[in-house]
Amino acid sequence: MERDLQSKIAWITGGGSGVGQAVARTLAQAGAHVYVSGRRLEPLAATVAQIEAQGGQASAIVVDVAQPDPPRAAVTQIMENHNRLDIYVGAAGYNINRRQFSNLTAQEAGAIIATNLGGAFNASSAVLVAMRTAGDGLLVHIGSWSGRRVRTFSGPAYTAAKAGLLAMSESLNLEVALEGIRSTVIIPGGIDTPLLDNLPTPPPPEQRARLLRPDDCAQAVLWVARLPARVRIDEITITPTIQNV
């Protein structure tokens, strides 16, 4: 029997665009009250407006997950408002067009890792406090094909961060699954999001049209969220049919 998401509370990082925005819309349509966060208020407000226009419930919180304190403050705010936090979806992602050891500085690599891996750790640590008290909860991390299959176009920093995300989620399940908390990584292949604009050579429109859409990942998140508590999905890999690398 599917879980009913009515009145569930969800927090989505990176909720101002791409996969995070699609997840927020999808969970809100399923009945959850969603909190979207990111570093800039304007795109978050746009996501909230879209959700409310469709009859859903949403709130925006400005959060830089790369820093440890803002995620804890966000969880505190959510708990003060609702006294529960059922679902966390980590969709905050960052990369730049200088991606190789030959042109990527240590400071730039550190910023990429701080958002894609450090941010996931900071947010996960914060939500676990609430979920452990409740004895229930779901964490879903948006990973990348690059974390499973190393390719040069993603760059060493982004690849290392996404590979680390898989190990972090596995560690979470080893530690907290018996407490009723589940962790899943969604591993998309080529997906048409704003991150593609930061590739050294962005793909042309006709190629982007054949890639995954953010809503494809959002539907996978919804499926996992609706599963009964006895079911743990460790990883889901989703690729466009044209992907062969």
Protein backbone atom coordinates (compact mmCIF):
# COMPACT_ATOMS: atom_id res chain seq x y z
CA MET A 1 0.00 0.00 0.00
CA GLU A 2 1.37 3.39 -0.99
CA ARG A 3 2.16 5.95 1.67
CA ASP A 4 -0.13 8.96 1.70
CA LEU A 5 1.90 12.18 1.48
CA GLN A 6 -0.95 14.41 2.65
CA SER A 7 0.29 16.62 5.51
CA LYS A 8 3.86 15.30 5.19
CA ILE A 9 6.62 17.90 5.52
CA ALA A 10 9.41 17.88 2.94
CA TRP A 11 12.59 19.95 2.62
CA ILE A 12 14.20 20.25 -0.81
CA THR A 13 17.60 21.89 -1.21
CA GLY A 14 18.37 23.39 -4.61
CA GLY A 15 14.64 24.01 -4.95
CA GLY A 16 14.91 27.11 -7.12
CA SER A 17 15.60 25.34 -10.42
CA GLY A 18 16.18 22.05 -12.22
CA VAL A 19 15.57 18.79 -10.41
CA GLY A 20 14.98 20.42 -7.03
CA GLN A 21 12.22 22.62 -8.40
CA ALA A 22 10.60 19.66 -10.17
CA VAL A 23 10.73 17.56 -6.99
CA ALA A 24 9.15 20.38 -4.98
CA ARG A 25 6.27 20.71 -7.46
CA THR A 26 5.72 16.95 -7.58
CA LEU A 27 5.70 16.39 -3.82
CA ALA A 28 3.42 19.39 -3.32
CA GLN A 29 0.99 18.02 -5.90
CA ALA A 30 0.98 14.77 -3.91
CA GLY A 31 -0.12 16.70 -0.81
CA ALA A 32 3.11 17.46 1.05
CA HIS A 33 3.97 20.89 2.43
CA VAL A 34 7.34 21.57 0.84
CA TYR A 35 10.13 23.85 1.99
CA VAL A 36 12.49 24.88 -0.79
CA SER A 37 15.92 26.27 -0.08
CA GLY A 38 18.85 27.70 -1.96
CA ARG A 39 21.23 30.62 -1.81
CA ARG A 40 18.99 33.13 -3.60
CA LEU A 41 15.45 34.07 -2.63
CA GLU A 42 14.18 35.07 -6.11
CA PRO A 43 14.17 31.59 -7.74
CA LEU A 44 12.83 30.05 -4.53
CA ALA A 45 9.95 32.53 -4.51
CA ALA A 46 9.21 31.59 -8.12
CA THR A 47 9.00 27.91 -7.15
CA VAL A 48 6.67 28.72 -4.26
CA ALA A 49 4.47 30.79 -6.57
CA GLN A 50 4.22 27.90 -9.06
CA ILE A 51 3.22 25.47 -6.33
CA GLU A 52 0.66 27.79 -4.77
CA ALA A 53 -0.85 28.53 -8.18
CA GLN A 54 -1.50 24.78 -8.48
CA GLY A 55 -3.15 24.66 -5.06
CA GLY A 56 -0.14 23.30 -3.15
CA GLN A 57 1.61 24.45 0.00
CA ALA A 58 5.19 25.70 -0.06
CA SER A 59 7.61 27.92 1.82
CA ALA A 60 11.05 29.30 0.97
CA ILE A 61 14.13 29.46 3.20
CA VAL A 62 17.44 30.93 2.05
CA VAL A 63 20.11 28.37 2.98
CA ASP A 64 23.72 27.85 1.94
CA VAL A 65 24.14 24.14 2.60
CA ALA A 66 27.91 24.40 2.15
CA GLN A 67 28.01 25.96 5.62
CA PRO A 68 27.08 23.81 8.65
CA ASP A 69 24.96 26.31 10.59
CA PRO A 70 22.31 27.34 7.98
CA PRO A 71 20.96 23.78 7.48
CA ARG A 72 20.58 23.36 11.24
CA ALA A 73 18.74 26.68 11.41
CA ALA A 74 16.44 25.62 8.56
CA VAL A 75 15.52 22.37 10.31
CA THR A 76 14.88 24.27 13.54
CA GLN A 77 12.52 26.61 11.69
CA ILE A 78 10.65 23.73 10.05
CA MET A 79 10.31 21.90 13.36
CA GLU A 80 9.05 25.03 15.10
CA ASN A 81 6.39 25.41 12.41
CA HIS A 82 5.29 21.77 12.11
CA ASN A 83 7.03 19.68 14.78
CA ARG A 84 7.98 17.14 12.09
CA LEU A 85 10.17 16.67 9.04
CA ASP A 86 9.34 13.58 7.02
CA ILE A 87 11.27 13.88 3.76
CA TYR A 88 14.56 15.51 2.82
CA VAL A 89 15.64 15.76 -0.82
CA GLY A 90 19.17 17.03 -1.50
CA ALA A 91 19.19 18.54 -4.98
CA ALA A 92 21.68 21.37 -4.49
CA GLY A 93 24.39 21.04 -7.12
CA TYR A 94 27.27 23.10 -8.44
CA ASN A 95 29.96 22.86 -11.10
CA ILE A 96 31.92 25.27 -13.30
CA ASN A 97 33.27 25.12 -16.83
CA ARG A 98 36.93 24.83 -15.70
CA ARG A 99 36.90 21.17 -14.70
CA GLN A 100 40.30 19.61 -15.28
CA PHE A 101 43.40 19.53 -13.12
CA SER A 102 45.05 21.74 -15.75
CA ASN A 103 42.64 24.65 -15.21
CA LEU A 104 40.78 24.02 -11.92
CA THR A 105 42.24 25.69 -8.85
CA ALA A 106 42.22 24.09 -5.42
CA GLN A 107 39.88 26.81 -4.17
CA GLU A 108 37.40 26.15 -6.99
CA ALA A 109 37.57 22.40 -6.41
CA GLY A 110 36.94 22.98 -2.73
CA ALA A 111 33.80 25.01 -3.49
CA ILE A 112 32.46 22.27 -5.78
CA ILE A 113 33.04 19.58 -3.16
CA ALA A 114 31.67 21.81 -0.39
CA THR A 115 28.30 22.11 -2.13
CA ASN A 116 27.90 18.68 -3.72
CA LEU A 117 29.22 16.56 -0.83
CA GLY A 118 29.72 18.84 2.16
CA GLY A 119 26.27 20.34 1.65
CA ALA A 120 24.67 16.91 1.54
CA PHE A 121 26.48 15.96 4.75
CA ASN A 122 25.50 19.18 6.51
CA ALA A 123 21.83 18.88 5.54
CA SER A 124 21.67 15.16 6.32
CA SER A 125 23.20 15.71 9.75
CA ALA A 126 20.62 18.40 10.47
CA VAL A 127 17.56 16.39 9.40
CA LEU A 128 18.69 13.26 11.23
CA VAL A 129 18.18 15.02 14.57
CA ALA A 130 14.47 15.44 13.80
CA MET A 131 14.03 12.07 12.10
CA ARG A 132 15.71 10.09 14.86
CA THR A 133 13.40 11.64 17.41
CA ALA A 134 10.42 10.59 15.30
CA GLY A 135 11.80 7.14 14.49
CA ASP A 136 10.91 7.66 10.82
CA GLY A 137 12.13 9.60 7.81
CA LEU A 138 13.37 9.50 4.25
CA LEU A 139 16.47 11.10 2.76
CA VAL A 140 16.83 11.24 -1.03
CA HIS A 141 20.06 12.53 -2.54
CA ILE A 142 20.30 13.56 -6.20
CA GLY A 143 23.57 12.08 -7.36
CA SER A 144 25.08 11.73 -10.82
CA TRP A 145 26.17 9.10 -13.30
CA SER A 146 29.60 10.68 -12.86
CA GLY A 147 29.75 9.36 -9.32
CA ARG A 148 29.39 5.80 -10.58
CA ARG A 149 31.26 5.96 -13.91
CA VAL A 150 34.22 8.32 -14.12
CA ARG A 151 34.27 10.51 -17.23
CA THR A 152 36.49 13.47 -17.99
CA PHE A 153 33.70 15.90 -18.88
CA SER A 154 32.47 16.12 -15.26
CA GLY A 155 35.88 16.95 -13.81
CA PRO A 156 37.69 15.42 -10.82
CA ALA A 157 36.08 17.57 -8.11
CA TYR A 158 32.46 16.98 -9.16
CA THR A 159 33.12 13.29 -9.81
CA ALA A 160 34.77 12.81 -6.41
CA ALA A 161 31.91 14.61 -4.66
CA LYS A 162 29.22 12.50 -6.31
CA ALA A 163 31.13 9.29 -5.64
CA GLY A 164 31.41 10.35 -2.02
CA LEU A 165 27.66 10.96 -1.93
CA LEU A 166 27.04 7.28 -2.72
CA ALA A 167 29.32 6.20 0.11
CA MET A 168 27.71 8.68 2.50
CA SER A 169 24.21 7.39 1.76
CA GLU A 170 25.32 3.79 2.24
CA SER A 171 26.85 4.77 5.56
CA LEU A 172 23.59 6.44 6.56
CA ASN A 173 21.63 3.25 5.91
CA LEU A 174 24.12 1.18 7.90
CA GLU A 175 23.73 3.55 10.85
CA VAL A 176 20.07 4.55 10.91
CA ALA A 177 18.00 2.08 8.87
CA LEU A 178 17.15 0.04 11.97
CA GLU A 179 15.84 3.26 13.51
CA GLY A 180 13.24 3.56 10.73
CA ILE A 181 15.16 6.04 8.56
CA ARG A 182 15.93 5.29 4.91
CA SER A 183 18.41 6.88 2.50
CA THR A 184 18.28 6.70 -1.30
CA VAL A 185 20.48 8.08 -4.06
CA ILE A 186 18.90 8.92 -7.42
CA ILE A 187 21.64 8.60 -10.05
CA PRO A 188 20.63 10.38 -13.26
CA GLY A 189 22.56 10.25 -16.48
CA GLY A 190 22.32 13.12 -18.95
CA ILE A 191 19.61 15.50 -17.78
CA ASP A 192 18.59 18.86 -19.19
CA THR A 193 19.17 21.26 -16.29
CA PRO A 194 20.94 24.63 -15.95
CA LEU A 195 24.11 22.73 -14.94
CA LEU A 196 24.59 21.88 -18.63
CA ASP A 197 25.18 25.56 -19.31
CA ASN A 198 28.41 25.30 -17.30
CA LEU A 199 29.90 22.59 -19.50
CA PRO A 200 32.99 23.72 -21.41
CA THR A 201 30.93 23.10 -24.57
CA PRO A 202 27.20 23.07 -23.76
CA PRO A 203 25.22 20.59 -25.89
CA PRO A 204 23.11 21.97 -28.75
CA PRO A 205 19.31 22.21 -28.33
CA GLU A 206 18.61 19.13 -30.44
CA GLN A 207 20.82 17.00 -28.17
CA ARG A 208 19.37 18.48 -24.97
CA ALA A 209 15.89 17.63 -26.24
CA ARG A 210 16.77 13.91 -26.08
CA LEU A 211 18.07 13.97 -22.50
CA LEU A 212 16.18 13.30 -19.29
CA ARG A 213 13.90 15.99 -17.88
CA PRO A 214 13.91 17.12 -14.24
CA ASP A 215 10.38 15.73 -13.93
CA ASP A 216 11.73 12.24 -14.70
CA CYS A 217 13.85 12.38 -11.55
CA ALA A 218 11.00 13.95 -9.60
CA GLN A 219 8.75 11.00 -10.42
CA ALA A 220 11.43 8.63 -9.10
CA VAL A 221 11.59 10.62 -5.85
CA LEU A 222 7.80 10.47 -5.55
CA TRP A 223 7.80 6.69 -6.07
CA VAL A 224 10.40 6.21 -3.31
CA ALA A 225 8.53 8.56 -0.97
CA ARG A 226 5.30 6.60 -1.38
CA LEU A 227 6.84 3.21 -0.59
CA PRO A 228 6.00 1.67 2.79
CA ALA A 229 8.50 2.09 5.61
CA ARG A 230 9.61 -1.56 5.31
CA VAL A 231 11.08 -0.85 1.83
CA ARG A 232 14.52 0.70 1.43
CA ILE A 233 15.75 1.67 -2.03
CA ASP A 234 19.50 2.21 -1.86
CA GLU A 235 20.06 3.48 -5.40
CA ILE A 236 18.13 4.19 -8.59
CA THR A 237 20.01 4.79 -11.84
CA ILE A 238 18.11 6.64 -14.57
CA THR A 239 19.59 7.31 -18.00
CA PRO A 240 18.28 8.65 -21.30
CA THR A 241 17.98 5.96 -23.93
CA ILE A 242 20.59 7.69 -26.10
CA GLN A 243 23.28 7.53 -23.41
CA ASN A 244 26.04 5.06 -24.28
CA VAL A 245 29.13 6.31 -22.45
